[in-house]
Amino acid sequence: MTPAELRSLLDQIAAGTLPAEAAHQRLLATLRDAPYDDLGFARLDNHRSVRQGFPEVILGLGKTPDQIAAISARLVERGHPLLVTRTDEAAFTAVQALVPEAEFLAVARAIIVRREVAPGRGTIVVASAGTSDVPVAEEAAVTAELMGNTVERLYDVGVAGIHRVLKERARLEAARVIIVVAGMEGALPSVVAGMVDVPVIGVPTSIGYGASFGGIAALLGMLNSCANGVSVVNIDNGFGAGCIASMINHG
């Protein structure tokens, strides 16, 4: 049972159009459903949407196009939205053969199928320090959008030209949660968090010159932020930031 189906069930009970016993039987049927589908090479978690409000997401790295397509087809068959991260056009070709409505978002490196999900309460702003950080920012933005959130993008507003982010203060202050994506020294989350009173999720990227150490400098800079309300995900983890922001925005 998807979150939307569960909500519909509860609405029917509240409206008196579905007897409690009938609802009880439908819920029991859901609980008897196999907790996962064994595809031989993967075990697809059928209860992820019940626990977390969104179905399992496919990490494209390390999987063949045919494996990605098979998992995608099963998810869509169950009525779920689809999100494949860190993928490419070869995988998309295989997925589209089984799931014609699938879309490929090249910048985000994602394959998606949109479905109706519970809406978030406010707006999530995704800000990137530089244009080179946009692929990770787009992964975060697309993840949050598929999970039912309104997302605004503020790209190329890094501290090398700090007037750019200062000009967007009103949009930042109107957000319910902010994702800030930055490489190099990773300073932008601290600047943004010093301007607002909402949670800021820092995403360090692997963009930068030699002493950035593939994003470690940005990661440490964000972890050492003196601004209140900053949390940090792993290097290049736009998906993780989008998930956390969605949970906050649905809370």
C-alpha atoms as a PDB file:
ATOM      1  CA  MET A   1       0.000   0.000   0.000  1.00  0.00           C
ATOM      2  CA  THR A   2       1.414   3.370  -1.025  1.00  0.00           C
ATOM      3  CA  PRO A   3       1.197   6.428   1.278  1.00  0.00           C
ATOM      4  CA  ALA A   4      -1.462   7.887  -1.038  1.00  0.00           C
ATOM      5  CA  GLU A   5      -3.526   4.692  -0.798  1.00  0.00           C
ATOM      6  CA  LEU A   6      -3.205   4.682   2.991  1.00  0.00           C
ATOM      7  CA  ARG A   7      -4.347   8.306   3.137  1.00  0.00           C
ATOM      8  CA  SER A   8      -7.327   7.490   0.916  1.00  0.00           C
ATOM      9  CA  LEU A   9      -8.226   4.603   3.207  1.00  0.00           C
ATOM     10  CA  LEU A  10      -8.175   6.852   6.263  1.00  0.00           C
ATOM     11  CA  ASP A  11     -10.243   9.516   4.480  1.00  0.00           C
ATOM     12  CA  GLN A  12     -12.873   6.911   3.586  1.00  0.00           C
ATOM     13  CA  ILE A  13     -13.072   5.767   7.207  1.00  0.00           C
ATOM     14  CA  ALA A  14     -13.400   9.377   8.410  1.00  0.00           C
ATOM     15  CA  ALA A  15     -16.146  10.062   5.858  1.00  0.00           C
ATOM     16  CA  GLY A  16     -18.045   6.934   6.865  1.00  0.00           C
ATOM     17  CA  THR A  17     -17.930   5.440   3.374  1.00  0.00           C
ATOM     18  CA  LEU A  18     -15.734   2.498   4.376  1.00  0.00           C
ATOM     19  CA  PRO A  19     -16.640   0.242   7.336  1.00  0.00           C
ATOM     20  CA  ALA A  20     -13.928  -0.261   9.912  1.00  0.00           C
ATOM     21  CA  GLU A  21     -13.924  -4.028   9.363  1.00  0.00           C
ATOM     22  CA  ALA A  22     -13.320  -3.629   5.622  1.00  0.00           C
ATOM     23  CA  ALA A  23     -10.486  -1.211   6.310  1.00  0.00           C
ATOM     24  CA  HIS A  24      -9.042  -3.661   8.831  1.00  0.00           C
ATOM     25  CA  GLN A  25      -8.997  -6.441   6.250  1.00  0.00           C
ATOM     26  CA  ARG A  26      -7.285  -4.224   3.677  1.00  0.00           C
ATOM     27  CA  LEU A  27      -4.599  -3.266   6.189  1.00  0.00           C
ATOM     28  CA  LEU A  28      -4.060  -6.917   7.108  1.00  0.00           C
ATOM     29  CA  ALA A  29      -3.616  -7.734   3.434  1.00  0.00           C
ATOM     30  CA  THR A  30      -0.953  -5.057   3.214  1.00  0.00           C
ATOM     31  CA  LEU A  31       0.884  -6.437   6.244  1.00  0.00           C
ATOM     32  CA  ARG A  32       0.764  -9.934   4.726  1.00  0.00           C
ATOM     33  CA  ASP A  33       2.383  -8.601   1.553  1.00  0.00           C
ATOM     34  CA  ALA A  34       5.970  -9.806   1.130  1.00  0.00           C
ATOM     35  CA  PRO A  35       8.313  -7.246   2.717  1.00  0.00           C
ATOM     36  CA  TYR A  36      10.524  -7.458  -0.353  1.00  0.00           C
ATOM     37  CA  ASP A  37      10.553  -8.774  -3.927  1.00  0.00           C
ATOM     38  CA  ASP A  38      13.449 -11.132  -4.615  1.00  0.00           C
ATOM     39  CA  LEU A  39      14.607 -10.448  -8.178  1.00  0.00           C
ATOM     40  CA  GLY A  40      17.554 -12.797  -7.866  1.00  0.00           C
ATOM     41  CA  PHE A  41      20.185 -10.060  -8.056  1.00  0.00           C
ATOM     42  CA  ALA A  42      18.313  -7.593  -5.811  1.00  0.00           C
ATOM     43  CA  ARG A  43      15.719  -7.584  -3.035  1.00  0.00           C
ATOM     44  CA  LEU A  44      13.310  -4.722  -3.574  1.00  0.00           C
ATOM     45  CA  ASP A  45      12.054  -3.280  -0.264  1.00  0.00           C
ATOM     46  CA  ASN A  46       8.251  -3.115  -0.554  1.00  0.00           C
ATOM     47  CA  HIS A  47       7.755  -1.487   2.840  1.00  0.00           C
ATOM     48  CA  ARG A  48      10.116   1.469   2.355  1.00  0.00           C
ATOM     49  CA  SER A  49       7.237   3.767   1.435  1.00  0.00           C
ATOM     50  CA  VAL A  50       5.291   2.732   4.540  1.00  0.00           C
ATOM     51  CA  ARG A  51       8.263   3.447   6.814  1.00  0.00           C
ATOM     52  CA  GLN A  52       9.601   6.580   5.156  1.00  0.00           C
ATOM     53  CA  GLY A  53       6.848   7.916   2.894  1.00  0.00           C
ATOM     54  CA  PHE A  54       8.778   7.231  -0.347  1.00  0.00           C
ATOM     55  CA  PRO A  55       9.694   3.954  -2.053  1.00  0.00           C
ATOM     56  CA  GLU A  56      13.150   2.531  -2.517  1.00  0.00           C
ATOM     57  CA  VAL A  57      15.478   4.614  -4.686  1.00  0.00           C
ATOM     58  CA  ILE A  58      17.865   2.935  -7.138  1.00  0.00           C
ATOM     59  CA  LEU A  59      21.554   3.821  -7.036  1.00  0.00           C
ATOM     60  CA  GLY A  60      22.715   3.361 -10.613  1.00  0.00           C
ATOM     61  CA  LEU A  61      26.415   2.985  -9.785  1.00  0.00           C
ATOM     62  CA  GLY A  62      27.629  -0.601 -10.126  1.00  0.00           C
ATOM     63  CA  LYS A  63      24.420  -1.900 -11.704  1.00  0.00           C
ATOM     64  CA  THR A  64      23.997  -2.968 -15.318  1.00  0.00           C
ATOM     65  CA  PRO A  65      21.364  -1.264 -17.503  1.00  0.00           C
ATOM     66  CA  ASP A  66      19.288  -4.461 -17.490  1.00  0.00           C
ATOM     67  CA  GLN A  67      19.375  -4.658 -13.688  1.00  0.00           C
ATOM     68  CA  ILE A  68      18.322  -1.023 -13.372  1.00  0.00           C
ATOM     69  CA  ALA A  69      15.506  -1.582 -15.871  1.00  0.00           C
ATOM     70  CA  ALA A  70      14.192  -4.662 -14.067  1.00  0.00           C
ATOM     71  CA  ILE A  71      14.087  -2.936 -10.676  1.00  0.00           C
ATOM     72  CA  SER A  72      12.536   0.185 -12.224  1.00  0.00           C
ATOM     73  CA  ALA A  73       9.794  -1.812 -13.931  1.00  0.00           C
ATOM     74  CA  ARG A  74       8.842  -3.549 -10.692  1.00  0.00           C
ATOM     75  CA  LEU A  75       8.658  -0.265  -8.765  1.00  0.00           C
ATOM     76  CA  VAL A  76       6.481   1.391 -11.406  1.00  0.00           C
ATOM     77  CA  GLU A  77       4.310  -1.734 -11.646  1.00  0.00           C
ATOM     78  CA  ARG A  78       3.518  -1.280  -7.961  1.00  0.00           C
ATOM     79  CA  GLY A  79       2.375   2.291  -8.628  1.00  0.00           C
ATOM     80  CA  HIS A  80       5.402   3.981  -7.084  1.00  0.00           C
ATOM     81  CA  PRO A  81       7.322   7.003  -8.333  1.00  0.00           C
ATOM     82  CA  LEU A  82      10.733   6.125  -9.711  1.00  0.00           C
ATOM     83  CA  LEU A  83      14.114   7.669  -8.962  1.00  0.00           C
ATOM     84  CA  VAL A  84      17.379   6.246 -10.283  1.00  0.00           C
ATOM     85  CA  THR A  85      20.429   8.249  -9.222  1.00  0.00           C
ATOM     86  CA  ARG A  86      23.968   8.364 -10.658  1.00  0.00           C
ATOM     87  CA  THR A  87      22.930   6.847 -13.969  1.00  0.00           C
ATOM     88  CA  ASP A  88      23.437   7.401 -17.699  1.00  0.00           C
ATOM     89  CA  GLU A  89      21.767   7.237 -21.108  1.00  0.00           C
ATOM     90  CA  ALA A  90      22.548   3.543 -21.603  1.00  0.00           C
ATOM     91  CA  ALA A  91      20.556   2.703 -18.481  1.00  0.00           C
ATOM     92  CA  PHE A  92      17.783   5.073 -19.554  1.00  0.00           C
ATOM     93  CA  THR A  93      17.447   3.289 -22.903  1.00  0.00           C
ATOM     94  CA  ALA A  94      16.979  -0.023 -21.066  1.00  0.00           C
ATOM     95  CA  VAL A  95      14.508   1.479 -18.572  1.00  0.00           C
ATOM     96  CA  GLN A  96      12.451   3.224 -21.241  1.00  0.00           C
ATOM     97  CA  ALA A  97      11.977  -0.069 -23.091  1.00  0.00           C
ATOM     98  CA  LEU A  98      10.094  -1.371 -20.039  1.00  0.00           C
ATOM     99  CA  VAL A  99       8.805   1.943 -18.635  1.00  0.00           C
ATOM    100  CA  PRO A 100       7.892   4.223 -21.577  1.00  0.00           C
ATOM    101  CA  GLU A 101       6.925   7.155 -19.336  1.00  0.00           C
ATOM    102  CA  ALA A 102      10.390   7.349 -17.766  1.00  0.00           C
ATOM    103  CA  GLU A 103      12.352  10.604 -18.136  1.00  0.00           C
ATOM    104  CA  PHE A 104      16.116  11.126 -18.187  1.00  0.00           C
ATOM    105  CA  LEU A 105      17.436  14.264 -16.469  1.00  0.00           C
ATOM    106  CA  ALA A 106      20.971  14.587 -17.806  1.00  0.00           C
ATOM    107  CA  VAL A 107      22.276  17.283 -15.444  1.00  0.00           C
ATOM    108  CA  ALA A 108      21.005  15.461 -12.353  1.00  0.00           C
ATOM    109  CA  ARG A 109      22.122  12.121 -13.844  1.00  0.00           C
ATOM    110  CA  ALA A 110      18.742  10.694 -12.875  1.00  0.00           C
ATOM    111  CA  ILE A 111      15.913   8.631 -14.345  1.00  0.00           C
ATOM    112  CA  ILE A 112      12.486   9.467 -12.968  1.00  0.00           C
ATOM    113  CA  VAL A 113       8.785   8.659 -13.167  1.00  0.00           C
ATOM    114  CA  ARG A 114       6.563  11.170 -11.423  1.00  0.00           C
ATOM    115  CA  ARG A 115       3.614  10.088  -9.248  1.00  0.00           C
ATOM    116  CA  GLU A 116       1.310  11.916  -6.872  1.00  0.00           C
ATOM    117  CA  VAL A 117       2.779  11.975  -3.366  1.00  0.00           C
ATOM    118  CA  ALA A 118       1.937  13.801  -0.148  1.00  0.00           C
ATOM    119  CA  PRO A 119       2.928  17.480  -0.525  1.00  0.00           C
ATOM    120  CA  GLY A 120       5.450  19.197   1.708  1.00  0.00           C
ATOM    121  CA  ARG A 121       4.401  22.095   3.902  1.00  0.00           C
ATOM    122  CA  GLY A 122       6.710  24.799   2.575  1.00  0.00           C
ATOM    123  CA  THR A 123       9.460  25.546   0.087  1.00  0.00           C
ATOM    124  CA  ILE A 124      12.897  23.964  -0.102  1.00  0.00           C
ATOM    125  CA  VAL A 125      15.588  26.237  -1.530  1.00  0.00           C
ATOM    126  CA  VAL A 126      18.570  24.552  -3.186  1.00  0.00           C
ATOM    127  CA  ALA A 127      21.554  26.886  -3.528  1.00  0.00           C
ATOM    128  CA  SER A 128      24.850  26.127  -5.242  1.00  0.00           C
ATOM    129  CA  ALA A 129      28.080  28.031  -4.779  1.00  0.00           C
ATOM    130  CA  GLY A 130      29.233  27.580  -8.366  1.00  0.00           C
ATOM    131  CA  THR A 131      28.024  26.297 -11.704  1.00  0.00           C
ATOM    132  CA  SER A 132      30.344  23.291 -11.313  1.00  0.00           C
ATOM    133  CA  ASP A 133      28.309  22.271  -8.250  1.00  0.00           C
ATOM    134  CA  VAL A 134      25.016  22.193 -10.184  1.00  0.00           C
ATOM    135  CA  PRO A 135      24.938  18.424 -10.947  1.00  0.00           C
ATOM    136  CA  VAL A 136      24.960  17.642  -7.214  1.00  0.00           C
ATOM    137  CA  ALA A 137      22.494  20.469  -6.545  1.00  0.00           C
ATOM    138  CA  GLU A 138      20.175  19.107  -9.239  1.00  0.00           C
ATOM    139  CA  GLU A 139      20.320  15.645  -7.691  1.00  0.00           C
ATOM    140  CA  ALA A 140      19.128  17.213  -4.433  1.00  0.00           C
ATOM    141  CA  ALA A 141      16.469  19.321  -6.135  1.00  0.00           C
ATOM    142  CA  VAL A 142      15.057  16.477  -8.233  1.00  0.00           C
ATOM    143  CA  THR A 143      14.975  14.178  -5.200  1.00  0.00           C
ATOM    144  CA  ALA A 144      13.060  16.736  -3.156  1.00  0.00           C
ATOM    145  CA  GLU A 145      10.618  17.461  -5.997  1.00  0.00           C
ATOM    146  CA  LEU A 146       9.796  13.781  -6.555  1.00  0.00           C
ATOM    147  CA  MET A 147       9.110  13.486  -2.830  1.00  0.00           C
ATOM    148  CA  GLY A 148       6.359  16.100  -3.114  1.00  0.00           C
ATOM    149  CA  ASN A 149       8.135  19.342  -2.295  1.00  0.00           C
ATOM    150  CA  THR A 150       8.124  22.761  -3.906  1.00  0.00           C
ATOM    151  CA  VAL A 151      11.746  23.566  -4.775  1.00  0.00           C
ATOM    152  CA  GLU A 152      13.402  26.846  -5.699  1.00  0.00           C
ATOM    153  CA  ARG A 153      16.891  26.917  -7.208  1.00  0.00           C
ATOM    154  CA  LEU A 154      19.545  29.553  -6.517  1.00  0.00           C
ATOM    155  CA  TYR A 155      22.620  28.644  -8.516  1.00  0.00           C
ATOM    156  CA  ASP A 156      26.062  30.262  -8.743  1.00  0.00           C
ATOM    157  CA  VAL A 157      25.717  32.387  -5.596  1.00  0.00           C
ATOM    158  CA  GLY A 158      29.055  31.537  -3.952  1.00  0.00           C
ATOM    159  CA  VAL A 159      31.185  33.626  -1.622  1.00  0.00           C
ATOM    160  CA  ALA A 160      33.627  34.646  -4.370  1.00  0.00           C
ATOM    161  CA  GLY A 161      30.949  37.228  -5.218  1.00  0.00           C
ATOM    162  CA  ILE A 162      29.007  37.410  -1.981  1.00  0.00           C
ATOM    163  CA  HIS A 163      26.674  40.150  -3.236  1.00  0.00           C
ATOM    164  CA  ARG A 164      24.961  37.456  -5.331  1.00  0.00           C
ATOM    165  CA  VAL A 165      23.672  35.504  -2.335  1.00  0.00           C
ATOM    166  CA  LEU A 166      22.939  38.646  -0.302  1.00  0.00           C
ATOM    167  CA  LYS A 167      20.581  39.790  -3.058  1.00  0.00           C
ATOM    168  CA  GLU A 168      18.560  36.569  -2.581  1.00  0.00           C
ATOM    169  CA  ARG A 169      18.058  37.021   1.153  1.00  0.00           C
ATOM    170  CA  ALA A 170      14.264  37.342   0.899  1.00  0.00           C
ATOM    171  CA  ARG A 171      13.954  34.038  -0.961  1.00  0.00           C
ATOM    172  CA  LEU A 172      16.228  32.325   1.542  1.00  0.00           C
ATOM    173  CA  GLU A 173      14.249  33.666   4.488  1.00  0.00           C
ATOM    174  CA  ALA A 174      10.986  32.417   2.953  1.00  0.00           C
ATOM    175  CA  ALA A 175      12.207  28.810   2.779  1.00  0.00           C
ATOM    176  CA  ARG A 176      11.307  26.129   5.287  1.00  0.00           C
ATOM    177  CA  VAL A 177      14.625  24.341   4.790  1.00  0.00           C
ATOM    178  CA  ILE A 178      17.685  25.167   2.671  1.00  0.00           C
ATOM    179  CA  ILE A 179      20.160  22.881   0.933  1.00  0.00           C
ATOM    180  CA  VAL A 180      23.520  24.542   0.212  1.00  0.00           C
ATOM    181  CA  VAL A 181      25.901  22.814  -2.200  1.00  0.00           C
ATOM    182  CA  ALA A 182      29.516  23.961  -2.357  1.00  0.00           C
ATOM    183  CA  GLY A 183      33.010  22.743  -3.182  1.00  0.00           C
ATOM    184  CA  MET A 184      36.402  24.447  -2.710  1.00  0.00           C
ATOM    185  CA  GLU A 185      36.484  25.609   0.949  1.00  0.00           C
ATOM    186  CA  GLY A 186      32.757  25.003   1.504  1.00  0.00           C
ATOM    187  CA  ALA A 187      32.017  28.393   3.061  1.00  0.00           C
ATOM    188  CA  LEU A 188      28.564  29.084   1.629  1.00  0.00           C
ATOM    189  CA  PRO A 189      26.473  27.066   4.158  1.00  0.00           C
ATOM    190  CA  SER A 190      27.911  29.133   7.029  1.00  0.00           C
ATOM    191  CA  VAL A 191      27.064  32.377   5.238  1.00  0.00           C
ATOM    192  CA  VAL A 192      23.514  31.271   4.467  1.00  0.00           C
ATOM    193  CA  ALA A 193      22.900  29.889   7.972  1.00  0.00           C
ATOM    194  CA  GLY A 194      24.000  33.229   9.407  1.00  0.00           C
ATOM    195  CA  MET A 195      21.174  34.920   7.497  1.00  0.00           C
ATOM    196  CA  VAL A 196      18.173  32.661   8.224  1.00  0.00           C
ATOM    197  CA  ASP A 197      16.328  30.922  11.055  1.00  0.00           C
ATOM    198  CA  VAL A 198      15.615  27.585   9.337  1.00  0.00           C
ATOM    199  CA  PRO A 199      17.662  24.369   9.022  1.00  0.00           C
ATOM    200  CA  VAL A 200      20.523  24.440   6.506  1.00  0.00           C
ATOM    201  CA  ILE A 201      21.824  21.210   5.014  1.00  0.00           C
ATOM    202  CA  GLY A 202      25.370  21.503   3.702  1.00  0.00           C
ATOM    203  CA  VAL A 203      26.474  19.332   0.782  1.00  0.00           C
ATOM    204  CA  PRO A 204      30.234  19.385   0.143  1.00  0.00           C
ATOM    205  CA  THR A 205      31.208  18.583  -3.436  1.00  0.00           C
ATOM    206  CA  SER A 206      34.382  17.106  -4.867  1.00  0.00           C
ATOM    207  CA  ILE A 207      34.889  20.242  -6.996  1.00  0.00           C
ATOM    208  CA  GLY A 208      38.099  22.143  -6.285  1.00  0.00           C
ATOM    209  CA  TYR A 209      41.846  22.366  -6.771  1.00  0.00           C
ATOM    210  CA  GLY A 210      44.460  20.037  -5.283  1.00  0.00           C
ATOM    211  CA  ALA A 211      44.281  21.115  -1.645  1.00  0.00           C
ATOM    212  CA  SER A 212      40.535  20.575  -1.635  1.00  0.00           C
ATOM    213  CA  PHE A 213      41.370  16.833  -1.517  1.00  0.00           C
ATOM    214  CA  GLY A 214      38.335  15.759  -3.520  1.00  0.00           C
ATOM    215  CA  GLY A 215      35.854  17.529  -1.257  1.00  0.00           C
ATOM    216  CA  ILE A 216      37.421  16.791   2.120  1.00  0.00           C
ATOM    217  CA  ALA A 217      38.299  20.465   2.636  1.00  0.00           C
ATOM    218  CA  ALA A 218      34.688  21.483   1.958  1.00  0.00           C
ATOM    219  CA  LEU A 219      33.394  18.695   4.214  1.00  0.00           C
ATOM    220  CA  LEU A 220      35.602  19.752   7.123  1.00  0.00           C
ATOM    221  CA  GLY A 221      34.758  23.415   6.577  1.00  0.00           C
ATOM    222  CA  MET A 222      31.043  22.687   6.786  1.00  0.00           C
ATOM    223  CA  LEU A 223      31.435  20.399   9.804  1.00  0.00           C
ATOM    224  CA  ASN A 224      33.297  23.214  11.566  1.00  0.00           C
ATOM    225  CA  SER A 225      30.679  25.864  10.786  1.00  0.00           C
ATOM    226  CA  CYS A 226      30.164  28.350  13.608  1.00  0.00           C
ATOM    227  CA  ALA A 227      26.642  29.169  12.382  1.00  0.00           C
ATOM    228  CA  ASN A 228      23.736  27.515  14.190  1.00  0.00           C
ATOM    229  CA  GLY A 229      21.455  25.072  12.417  1.00  0.00           C
ATOM    230  CA  VAL A 230      23.911  23.592   9.904  1.00  0.00           C
ATOM    231  CA  SER A 231      23.948  19.838   9.320  1.00  0.00           C
ATOM    232  CA  VAL A 232      26.172  18.146   6.749  1.00  0.00           C
ATOM    233  CA  VAL A 233      25.853  15.119   4.484  1.00  0.00           C
ATOM    234  CA  ASN A 234      28.645  13.242   2.755  1.00  0.00           C
ATOM    235  CA  ILE A 235      30.627  14.508  -0.228  1.00  0.00           C
ATOM    236  CA  ASP A 236      28.493  14.842  -3.403  1.00  0.00           C
ATOM    237  CA  ASN A 237      25.470  13.360  -1.601  1.00  0.00           C
ATOM    238  CA  GLY A 238      22.735  15.487  -3.155  1.00  0.00           C
ATOM    239  CA  PHE A 239      20.265  12.614  -2.837  1.00  0.00           C
ATOM    240  CA  GLY A 240      20.780  12.357   0.925  1.00  0.00           C
ATOM    241  CA  ALA A 241      20.297  16.101   1.332  1.00  0.00           C
ATOM    242  CA  GLY A 242      17.085  16.008  -0.700  1.00  0.00           C
ATOM    243  CA  CYS A 243      15.722  13.186   1.476  1.00  0.00           C
ATOM    244  CA  ILE A 244      16.489  14.943   4.756  1.00  0.00           C
ATOM    245  CA  ALA A 245      15.052  18.240   3.504  1.00  0.00           C
ATOM    246  CA  SER A 246      11.875  16.448   2.449  1.00  0.00           C
ATOM    247  CA  MET A 247      11.480  14.816   5.855  1.00  0.00           C
ATOM    248  CA  ILE A 248      11.857  18.212   7.526  1.00  0.00           C
ATOM    249  CA  ASN A 249       9.393  19.816   5.137  1.00  0.00           C
ATOM    250  CA  HIS A 250       6.801  17.099   5.704  1.00  0.00           C
ATOM    251  CA  GLY A 251       7.170  17.237   9.486  1.00  0.00           C
END
